[in-house]
C-alpha atoms as a PDB file:
ATOM      1  CA  MET A   1      26.852  18.753 -19.300  1.00  0.00           C
ATOM      2  CA  THR A   2      25.289  15.409 -20.219  1.00  0.00           C
ATOM      3  CA  GLN A   3      23.789  15.318 -23.695  1.00  0.00           C
ATOM      4  CA  THR A   4      20.409  13.770 -24.400  1.00  0.00           C
ATOM      5  CA  ILE A   5      20.234  11.282 -27.279  1.00  0.00           C
ATOM      6  CA  SER A   6      18.670  13.930 -29.517  1.00  0.00           C
ATOM      7  CA  GLN A   7      21.650  16.243 -28.885  1.00  0.00           C
ATOM      8  CA  LYS A   8      24.385  13.730 -29.653  1.00  0.00           C
ATOM      9  CA  PRO A   9      26.101  14.139 -33.044  1.00  0.00           C
ATOM     10  CA  VAL A  10      26.010  10.348 -33.456  1.00  0.00           C
ATOM     11  CA  ILE A  11      23.253   8.101 -32.116  1.00  0.00           C
ATOM     12  CA  ILE A  12      24.643   4.638 -31.363  1.00  0.00           C
ATOM     13  CA  GLU A  13      22.051   1.851 -31.170  1.00  0.00           C
ATOM     14  CA  HIS A  14      22.651  -1.865 -30.711  1.00  0.00           C
ATOM     15  CA  LYS A  15      19.767  -4.022 -31.935  1.00  0.00           C
ATOM     16  CA  GLY A  16      20.559  -7.706 -31.670  1.00  0.00           C
ATOM     17  CA  SER A  17      23.603  -8.371 -33.812  1.00  0.00           C
ATOM     18  CA  VAL A  18      23.347  -4.994 -35.583  1.00  0.00           C
ATOM     19  CA  THR A  19      24.935  -1.706 -34.519  1.00  0.00           C
ATOM     20  CA  TRP A  20      23.356   1.433 -35.980  1.00  0.00           C
ATOM     21  CA  LEU A  21      25.376   4.643 -36.227  1.00  0.00           C
ATOM     22  CA  ARG A  22      23.067   7.545 -37.059  1.00  0.00           C
ATOM     23  CA  LEU A  23      24.542  10.903 -38.052  1.00  0.00           C
ATOM     24  CA  ASN A  24      22.494  13.305 -35.970  1.00  0.00           C
ATOM     25  CA  ARG A  25      22.955  16.920 -36.999  1.00  0.00           C
ATOM     26  CA  PRO A  26      19.917  17.233 -39.296  1.00  0.00           C
ATOM     27  CA  ASP A  27      19.752  21.015 -38.888  1.00  0.00           C
ATOM     28  CA  ARG A  28      23.243  21.132 -40.468  1.00  0.00           C
ATOM     29  CA  LEU A  29      22.511  18.395 -43.037  1.00  0.00           C
ATOM     30  CA  ASN A  30      24.652  16.131 -40.825  1.00  0.00           C
ATOM     31  CA  ALA A  31      27.825  18.060 -41.650  1.00  0.00           C
ATOM     32  CA  VAL A  32      30.805  16.136 -40.285  1.00  0.00           C
ATOM     33  CA  ASN A  33      32.389  18.039 -37.401  1.00  0.00           C
ATOM     34  CA  ALA A  34      35.015  16.914 -34.887  1.00  0.00           C
ATOM     35  CA  ALA A  35      32.440  15.583 -32.415  1.00  0.00           C
ATOM     36  CA  MET A  36      30.749  13.497 -35.096  1.00  0.00           C
ATOM     37  CA  ILE A  37      34.058  11.959 -36.153  1.00  0.00           C
ATOM     38  CA  GLU A  38      34.819  10.951 -32.571  1.00  0.00           C
ATOM     39  CA  GLY A  39      31.260   9.670 -32.083  1.00  0.00           C
ATOM     40  CA  LEU A  40      31.552   7.430 -35.140  1.00  0.00           C
ATOM     41  CA  ILE A  41      34.908   6.095 -33.959  1.00  0.00           C
ATOM     42  CA  ASP A  42      33.406   5.368 -30.531  1.00  0.00           C
ATOM     43  CA  GLY A  43      30.509   3.566 -32.197  1.00  0.00           C
ATOM     44  CA  LEU A  44      32.814   1.398 -34.292  1.00  0.00           C
ATOM     45  CA  ILE A  45      34.843   0.450 -31.211  1.00  0.00           C
ATOM     46  CA  ALA A  46      31.621  -0.472 -29.397  1.00  0.00           C
ATOM     47  CA  ALA A  47      30.434  -2.581 -32.365  1.00  0.00           C
ATOM     48  CA  ARG A  48      33.770  -4.370 -32.522  1.00  0.00           C
ATOM     49  CA  ASP A  49      33.883  -4.981 -28.758  1.00  0.00           C
ATOM     50  CA  ARG A  50      30.392  -6.478 -28.646  1.00  0.00           C
ATOM     51  CA  GLY A  51      30.964  -8.604 -31.742  1.00  0.00           C
ATOM     52  CA  SER A  52      28.230  -7.157 -33.933  1.00  0.00           C
ATOM     53  CA  ASP A  53      27.666  -8.884 -37.278  1.00  0.00           C
ATOM     54  CA  LEU A  54      26.567  -5.717 -39.062  1.00  0.00           C
ATOM     55  CA  VAL A  55      27.290  -1.982 -38.726  1.00  0.00           C
ATOM     56  CA  VAL A  56      24.845   0.378 -40.421  1.00  0.00           C
ATOM     57  CA  PHE A  57      25.545   4.053 -41.138  1.00  0.00           C
ATOM     58  CA  ALA A  58      22.503   6.267 -41.655  1.00  0.00           C
ATOM     59  CA  GLY A  59      21.720   9.982 -41.563  1.00  0.00           C
ATOM     60  CA  GLU A  60      18.877  11.655 -39.697  1.00  0.00           C
ATOM     61  CA  GLY A  61      16.715  14.087 -41.638  1.00  0.00           C
ATOM     62  CA  ARG A  62      16.666  14.781 -45.369  1.00  0.00           C
ATOM     63  CA  ALA A  63      20.337  14.127 -46.163  1.00  0.00           C
ATOM     64  CA  PHE A  64      22.940  11.528 -45.315  1.00  0.00           C
ATOM     65  CA  SER A  65      25.528  14.282 -44.910  1.00  0.00           C
ATOM     66  CA  ALA A  66      26.633  17.487 -46.605  1.00  0.00           C
ATOM     67  CA  GLY A  67      30.241  16.521 -45.866  1.00  0.00           C
ATOM     68  CA  PHE A  68      33.026  18.098 -43.835  1.00  0.00           C
ATOM     69  CA  ASP A  69      31.688  20.903 -41.635  1.00  0.00           C
ATOM     70  CA  LEU A  70      33.182  24.080 -43.119  1.00  0.00           C
ATOM     71  CA  SER A  71      31.599  26.486 -40.642  1.00  0.00           C
ATOM     72  CA  GLY A  72      33.684  28.459 -38.175  1.00  0.00           C
ATOM     73  CA  LEU A  73      36.766  28.494 -40.408  1.00  0.00           C
ATOM     74  CA  ASP A  74      37.870  31.840 -38.940  1.00  0.00           C
ATOM     75  CA  GLN A  75      38.395  30.067 -35.622  1.00  0.00           C
ATOM     76  CA  GLN A  76      40.259  27.103 -37.125  1.00  0.00           C
ATOM     77  CA  SER A  77      44.018  27.042 -37.575  1.00  0.00           C
ATOM     78  CA  ASP A  78      45.812  24.946 -40.179  1.00  0.00           C
ATOM     79  CA  ALA A  79      46.842  22.602 -37.343  1.00  0.00           C
ATOM     80  CA  ASP A  80      43.242  22.222 -36.148  1.00  0.00           C
ATOM     81  CA  LEU A  81      42.067  21.322 -39.631  1.00  0.00           C
ATOM     82  CA  LEU A  82      44.996  18.979 -40.256  1.00  0.00           C
ATOM     83  CA  TYR A  83      44.126  17.033 -37.114  1.00  0.00           C
ATOM     84  CA  ARG A  84      40.473  16.783 -38.135  1.00  0.00           C
ATOM     85  CA  PHE A  85      41.377  15.430 -41.561  1.00  0.00           C
ATOM     86  CA  VAL A  86      43.754  12.904 -39.999  1.00  0.00           C
ATOM     87  CA  ARG A  87      40.956  11.695 -37.736  1.00  0.00           C
ATOM     88  CA  VAL A  88      38.657  11.397 -40.769  1.00  0.00           C
ATOM     89  CA  GLU A  89      41.232   9.204 -42.524  1.00  0.00           C
ATOM     90  CA  GLN A  90      41.625   7.094 -39.384  1.00  0.00           C
ATOM     91  CA  LEU A  91      37.836   6.713 -39.255  1.00  0.00           C
ATOM     92  CA  LEU A  92      37.734   5.641 -42.905  1.00  0.00           C
ATOM     93  CA  GLN A  93      40.444   3.053 -42.302  1.00  0.00           C
ATOM     94  CA  MET A  94      38.572   1.697 -39.270  1.00  0.00           C
ATOM     95  CA  ILE A  95      35.454   1.224 -41.421  1.00  0.00           C
ATOM     96  CA  TYR A  96      37.464  -0.386 -44.211  1.00  0.00           C
ATOM     97  CA  GLN A  97      39.125  -2.842 -41.797  1.00  0.00           C
ATOM     98  CA  LEU A  98      36.062  -3.771 -39.745  1.00  0.00           C
ATOM     99  CA  PRO A  99      35.786  -7.478 -38.906  1.00  0.00           C
ATOM    100  CA  MET A 100      32.057  -7.319 -39.700  1.00  0.00           C
ATOM    101  CA  THR A 101      29.937  -6.201 -42.647  1.00  0.00           C
ATOM    102  CA  SER A 102      29.414  -2.454 -42.974  1.00  0.00           C
ATOM    103  CA  VAL A 103      26.414  -0.869 -44.686  1.00  0.00           C
ATOM    104  CA  ALA A 104      25.717   2.735 -45.691  1.00  0.00           C
ATOM    105  CA  LEU A 105      22.114   3.869 -46.225  1.00  0.00           C
ATOM    106  CA  VAL A 106      22.083   7.136 -48.158  1.00  0.00           C
ATOM    107  CA  GLN A 107      19.312   9.613 -48.846  1.00  0.00           C
ATOM    108  CA  GLY A 108      19.598  13.104 -50.250  1.00  0.00           C
ATOM    109  CA  ARG A 109      22.974  14.786 -50.353  1.00  0.00           C
ATOM    110  CA  CYS A 110      26.169  12.825 -49.674  1.00  0.00           C
ATOM    111  CA  PHE A 111      29.187  15.042 -50.233  1.00  0.00           C
ATOM    112  CA  GLY A 112      32.865  15.160 -49.334  1.00  0.00           C
ATOM    113  CA  ALA A 113      33.939  13.189 -46.271  1.00  0.00           C
ATOM    114  CA  ALA A 114      30.489  11.589 -46.114  1.00  0.00           C
ATOM    115  CA  ALA A 115      30.961  10.118 -49.592  1.00  0.00           C
ATOM    116  CA  ASP A 116      34.316   8.743 -48.402  1.00  0.00           C
ATOM    117  CA  ILE A 117      32.524   7.071 -45.474  1.00  0.00           C
ATOM    118  CA  VAL A 118      30.124   5.433 -47.921  1.00  0.00           C
ATOM    119  CA  ALA A 119      32.967   4.315 -50.192  1.00  0.00           C
ATOM    120  CA  SER A 120      34.646   2.601 -47.223  1.00  0.00           C
ATOM    121  CA  CYS A 121      31.601   0.393 -46.557  1.00  0.00           C
ATOM    122  CA  ARG A 122      30.999  -3.089 -47.977  1.00  0.00           C
ATOM    123  CA  LYS A 123      27.349  -2.464 -48.868  1.00  0.00           C
ATOM    124  CA  ARG A 124      26.362   0.944 -50.230  1.00  0.00           C
ATOM    125  CA  ILE A 125      22.646   1.565 -50.731  1.00  0.00           C
ATOM    126  CA  ALA A 126      20.960   4.818 -51.733  1.00  0.00           C
ATOM    127  CA  THR A 127      17.557   6.179 -52.573  1.00  0.00           C
ATOM    128  CA  PRO A 128      16.916   7.041 -56.240  1.00  0.00           C
ATOM    129  CA  ASP A 129      17.203  10.793 -55.528  1.00  0.00           C
ATOM    130  CA  ALA A 130      20.553  10.630 -53.699  1.00  0.00           C
ATOM    131  CA  SER A 131      23.439  12.710 -55.024  1.00  0.00           C
ATOM    132  CA  PHE A 132      27.179  12.558 -54.425  1.00  0.00           C
ATOM    133  CA  ARG A 133      30.209  14.820 -54.739  1.00  0.00           C
ATOM    134  CA  MET A 134      33.881  14.545 -53.718  1.00  0.00           C
ATOM    135  CA  PRO A 135      35.404  18.058 -53.918  1.00  0.00           C
ATOM    136  CA  GLY A 136      38.415  17.665 -51.600  1.00  0.00           C
ATOM    137  CA  LEU A 137      41.020  18.255 -54.291  1.00  0.00           C
ATOM    138  CA  GLN A 138      39.491  21.678 -54.928  1.00  0.00           C
ATOM    139  CA  PHE A 139      41.347  22.702 -51.759  1.00  0.00           C
ATOM    140  CA  ASP A 140      44.234  20.255 -52.309  1.00  0.00           C
ATOM    141  CA  ILE A 141      43.122  17.523 -49.868  1.00  0.00           C
ATOM    142  CA  VAL A 142      43.964  13.955 -50.900  1.00  0.00           C
ATOM    143  CA  LEU A 143      41.500  11.828 -48.912  1.00  0.00           C
ATOM    144  CA  GLY A 144      40.570   8.212 -49.664  1.00  0.00           C
ATOM    145  CA  THR A 145      41.756   8.440 -53.270  1.00  0.00           C
ATOM    146  CA  ARG A 146      43.419   5.028 -53.520  1.00  0.00           C
ATOM    147  CA  ARG A 147      40.432   3.282 -51.915  1.00  0.00           C
ATOM    148  CA  LEU A 148      38.087   5.017 -54.343  1.00  0.00           C
ATOM    149  CA  ALA A 149      40.245   3.970 -57.304  1.00  0.00           C
ATOM    150  CA  ARG A 150      40.225   0.361 -56.107  1.00  0.00           C
ATOM    151  CA  LEU A 151      36.460   0.502 -55.687  1.00  0.00           C
ATOM    152  CA  ILE A 152      35.388   2.023 -59.012  1.00  0.00           C
ATOM    153  CA  GLY A 153      38.522   1.897 -61.148  1.00  0.00           C
ATOM    154  CA  ALA A 154      41.255   4.461 -61.728  1.00  0.00           C
ATOM    155  CA  ASP A 155      39.611   6.175 -64.709  1.00  0.00           C
ATOM    156  CA  ALA A 156      36.250   6.678 -63.001  1.00  0.00           C
ATOM    157  CA  ALA A 157      37.918   7.885 -59.791  1.00  0.00           C
ATOM    158  CA  PHE A 158      40.084  10.330 -61.760  1.00  0.00           C
ATOM    159  CA  ASP A 159      37.006  11.751 -63.485  1.00  0.00           C
ATOM    160  CA  LEU A 160      35.026  12.260 -60.271  1.00  0.00           C
ATOM    161  CA  LEU A 161      37.943  13.830 -58.406  1.00  0.00           C
ATOM    162  CA  GLU A 162      39.252  15.984 -61.262  1.00  0.00           C
ATOM    163  CA  THR A 163      35.846  17.485 -62.066  1.00  0.00           C
ATOM    164  CA  SER A 164      34.380  17.474 -58.530  1.00  0.00           C
ATOM    165  CA  ARG A 165      31.076  16.994 -60.318  1.00  0.00           C
ATOM    166  CA  ILE A 166      27.853  15.968 -58.636  1.00  0.00           C
ATOM    167  CA  PHE A 167      26.835  12.459 -59.661  1.00  0.00           C
ATOM    168  CA  THR A 168      23.485  10.757 -59.249  1.00  0.00           C
ATOM    169  CA  ALA A 169      22.552   7.456 -57.655  1.00  0.00           C
ATOM    170  CA  ASP A 170      22.183   5.952 -61.142  1.00  0.00           C
ATOM    171  CA  ASP A 171      25.679   7.161 -62.047  1.00  0.00           C
ATOM    172  CA  ALA A 172      27.023   5.764 -58.783  1.00  0.00           C
ATOM    173  CA  LEU A 173      25.455   2.354 -59.347  1.00  0.00           C
ATOM    174  CA  LYS A 174      26.821   2.101 -62.888  1.00  0.00           C
ATOM    175  CA  ILE A 175      30.419   2.670 -61.782  1.00  0.00           C
ATOM    176  CA  GLY A 176      30.189   0.478 -58.679  1.00  0.00           C
ATOM    177  CA  PHE A 177      30.214   3.276 -56.116  1.00  0.00           C
ATOM    178  CA  LEU A 178      26.825   1.947 -54.960  1.00  0.00           C
ATOM    179  CA  THR A 179      25.849  -1.682 -54.616  1.00  0.00           C
ATOM    180  CA  ASP A 180      22.091  -1.024 -54.809  1.00  0.00           C
ATOM    181  CA  ILE A 181      19.392   1.633 -55.202  1.00  0.00           C
ATOM    182  CA  GLN A 182      16.319   1.216 -53.031  1.00  0.00           C
ATOM    183  CA  PRO A 183      13.561   3.495 -51.720  1.00  0.00           C
ATOM    184  CA  ALA A 184      13.931   4.189 -48.013  1.00  0.00           C
ATOM    185  CA  GLU A 185      10.760   2.250 -47.199  1.00  0.00           C
ATOM    186  CA  ASP A 186      12.501  -0.944 -48.358  1.00  0.00           C
ATOM    187  CA  TRP A 187      15.588  -0.480 -46.201  1.00  0.00           C
ATOM    188  CA  ALA A 188      14.292  -2.253 -43.103  1.00  0.00           C
ATOM    189  CA  SER A 189      13.580  -5.527 -44.914  1.00  0.00           C
ATOM    190  CA  HIS A 190      16.904  -5.333 -46.730  1.00  0.00           C
ATOM    191  CA  ILE A 191      18.791  -4.835 -43.474  1.00  0.00           C
ATOM    192  CA  ASP A 192      16.987  -7.909 -42.101  1.00  0.00           C
ATOM    193  CA  LYS A 193      18.302  -9.913 -45.056  1.00  0.00           C
ATOM    194  CA  LEU A 194      21.827  -8.530 -44.701  1.00  0.00           C
ATOM    195  CA  THR A 195      21.763  -9.385 -41.000  1.00  0.00           C
ATOM    196  CA  ILE A 196      20.955 -13.002 -41.816  1.00  0.00           C
ATOM    197  CA  ASP A 197      23.683 -13.097 -44.473  1.00  0.00           C
ATOM    198  CA  ALA A 198      26.220 -11.539 -42.082  1.00  0.00           C
ATOM    199  CA  GLY A 199      25.530 -14.252 -39.516  1.00  0.00           C
ATOM    200  CA  ASN A 200      26.177 -17.145 -41.897  1.00  0.00           C
ATOM    201  CA  LEU A 201      29.848 -17.490 -40.963  1.00  0.00           C
ATOM    202  CA  GLY A 202      31.591 -17.841 -37.643  1.00  0.00           C
ATOM    203  CA  ASP A 203      33.678 -14.955 -36.336  1.00  0.00           C
ATOM    204  CA  ASP A 204      37.026 -16.359 -37.460  1.00  0.00           C
ATOM    205  CA  ALA A 205      35.773 -17.261 -40.936  1.00  0.00           C
ATOM    206  CA  LYS A 206      34.092 -13.874 -41.376  1.00  0.00           C
ATOM    207  CA  THR A 207      37.209 -12.000 -40.292  1.00  0.00           C
ATOM    208  CA  ALA A 208      39.342 -14.068 -42.656  1.00  0.00           C
ATOM    209  CA  LEU A 209      36.943 -13.464 -45.565  1.00  0.00           C
ATOM    210  CA  LEU A 210      36.837  -9.726 -45.029  1.00  0.00           C
ATOM    211  CA  ALA A 211      40.621  -9.529 -44.743  1.00  0.00           C
ATOM    212  CA  ALA A 212      41.147 -11.644 -47.853  1.00  0.00           C
ATOM    213  CA  THR A 213      38.847  -9.509 -50.007  1.00  0.00           C
ATOM    214  CA  ARG A 214      40.385  -6.117 -49.276  1.00  0.00           C
ATOM    215  CA  ASP A 215      43.793  -4.595 -49.948  1.00  0.00           C
ATOM    216  CA  ASP A 216      45.466  -3.225 -46.814  1.00  0.00           C
ATOM    217  CA  ARG A 217      48.832  -2.574 -48.437  1.00  0.00           C
ATOM    218  CA  GLY A 218      48.194   1.080 -49.201  1.00  0.00           C
ATOM    219  CA  LEU A 219      46.705   2.219 -45.902  1.00  0.00           C
ATOM    220  CA  ASP A 220      49.887   3.841 -44.603  1.00  0.00           C
ATOM    221  CA  HIS A 221      50.345   5.460 -48.002  1.00  0.00           C
ATOM    222  CA  ASP A 222      46.777   6.816 -47.831  1.00  0.00           C
ATOM    223  CA  LEU A 223      47.432   8.399 -44.448  1.00  0.00           C
ATOM    224  CA  ALA A 224      50.777   9.806 -45.579  1.00  0.00           C
ATOM    225  CA  ALA A 225      49.214  11.280 -48.742  1.00  0.00           C
ATOM    226  CA  LEU A 226      46.498  12.933 -46.671  1.00  0.00           C
ATOM    227  CA  VAL A 227      48.996  14.394 -44.210  1.00  0.00           C
ATOM    228  CA  ARG A 228      51.254  15.699 -46.979  1.00  0.00           C
ATOM    229  CA  SER A 229      48.358  17.418 -48.714  1.00  0.00           C
ATOM    230  CA  ALA A 230      46.830  18.869 -45.541  1.00  0.00           C
ATOM    231  CA  ALA A 231      50.183  19.948 -44.068  1.00  0.00           C
ATOM    232  CA  THR A 232      50.931  22.322 -46.942  1.00  0.00           C
ATOM    233  CA  PRO A 233      50.721  25.791 -45.350  1.00  0.00           C
ATOM    234  CA  GLY A 234      47.529  27.742 -46.037  1.00  0.00           C
ATOM    235  CA  LEU A 235      44.989  24.950 -45.563  1.00  0.00           C
ATOM    236  CA  ALA A 236      42.421  27.139 -43.804  1.00  0.00           C
ATOM    237  CA  GLU A 237      42.775  29.821 -46.469  1.00  0.00           C
ATOM    238  CA  ARG A 238      42.374  27.263 -49.271  1.00  0.00           C
ATOM    239  CA  ILE A 239      39.175  25.970 -47.713  1.00  0.00           C
ATOM    240  CA  ARG A 240      37.854  29.519 -47.218  1.00  0.00           C
ATOM    241  CA  ALA A 241      38.560  30.265 -50.887  1.00  0.00           C
ATOM    242  CA  PHE A 242      36.700  27.089 -51.904  1.00  0.00           C
ATOM    243  CA  VAL A 243      33.706  28.005 -49.750  1.00  0.00           C
ATOM    244  CA  ALA A 244      33.637  31.452 -51.327  1.00  0.00           C
ATOM    245  CA  THR A 245      33.444  29.956 -54.819  1.00  0.00           C
ATOM    246  CA  GLN A 246      30.506  27.782 -53.784  1.00  0.00           C
ATOM    247  CA  VAL A 247      28.604  30.741 -52.381  1.00  0.00           C
ATOM    248  CA  LYS A 248      28.958  32.555 -55.700  1.00  0.00           C
ATOM    249  CA  LYS A 249      27.483  29.667 -57.680  1.00  0.00           C
END
């Protein structure tokens, strides 16, 4: 059955030299399910193939994303969940290695895998009321940890991951998790400016700059660490136990 645009988990829009990837499960706070992961990967491939200068991630509705979709766990095996986490890590590495500027626009809640998506982007902008949380280690998942430590420093990353605490946009800006805080009504003009900036260099120069200002040496280690953590037997049960603790709070 063909999906309408409103039914697709990711809306892909090309506007001039900008590709927009809109998380489109607002009734589920844009929780990241398997279809959304594949939709984002498809969108990144399309942006790369058409030579976009800018890729923008945004969330429909009142939240950027509540994170990894934890519904239907009774129907998910350890192997199913392992594969989904591997695809998330592959998505994060694609964002990190993009040959064009990536931007995340965050409103409301941005938890779990969604926060890892934001951390993989070059420009990370949020509304003043945005909130963030990275609880993966509560069920023994090591996802994006080295990239986070490179972004905000080892001590700050250790604190956020050890405590799994919710942190505010102000907190995120202070530690470098965000590059800016702006009300949503200012986003359009800021994207216009970023589009101009992203077009300043030719393709070869831009690719070289992006490659020279990131550290690719640990990417295989990141994937291996994720697989080792997720492959430990009992993954589905660990996630169910985590969900149960959240319901009680």
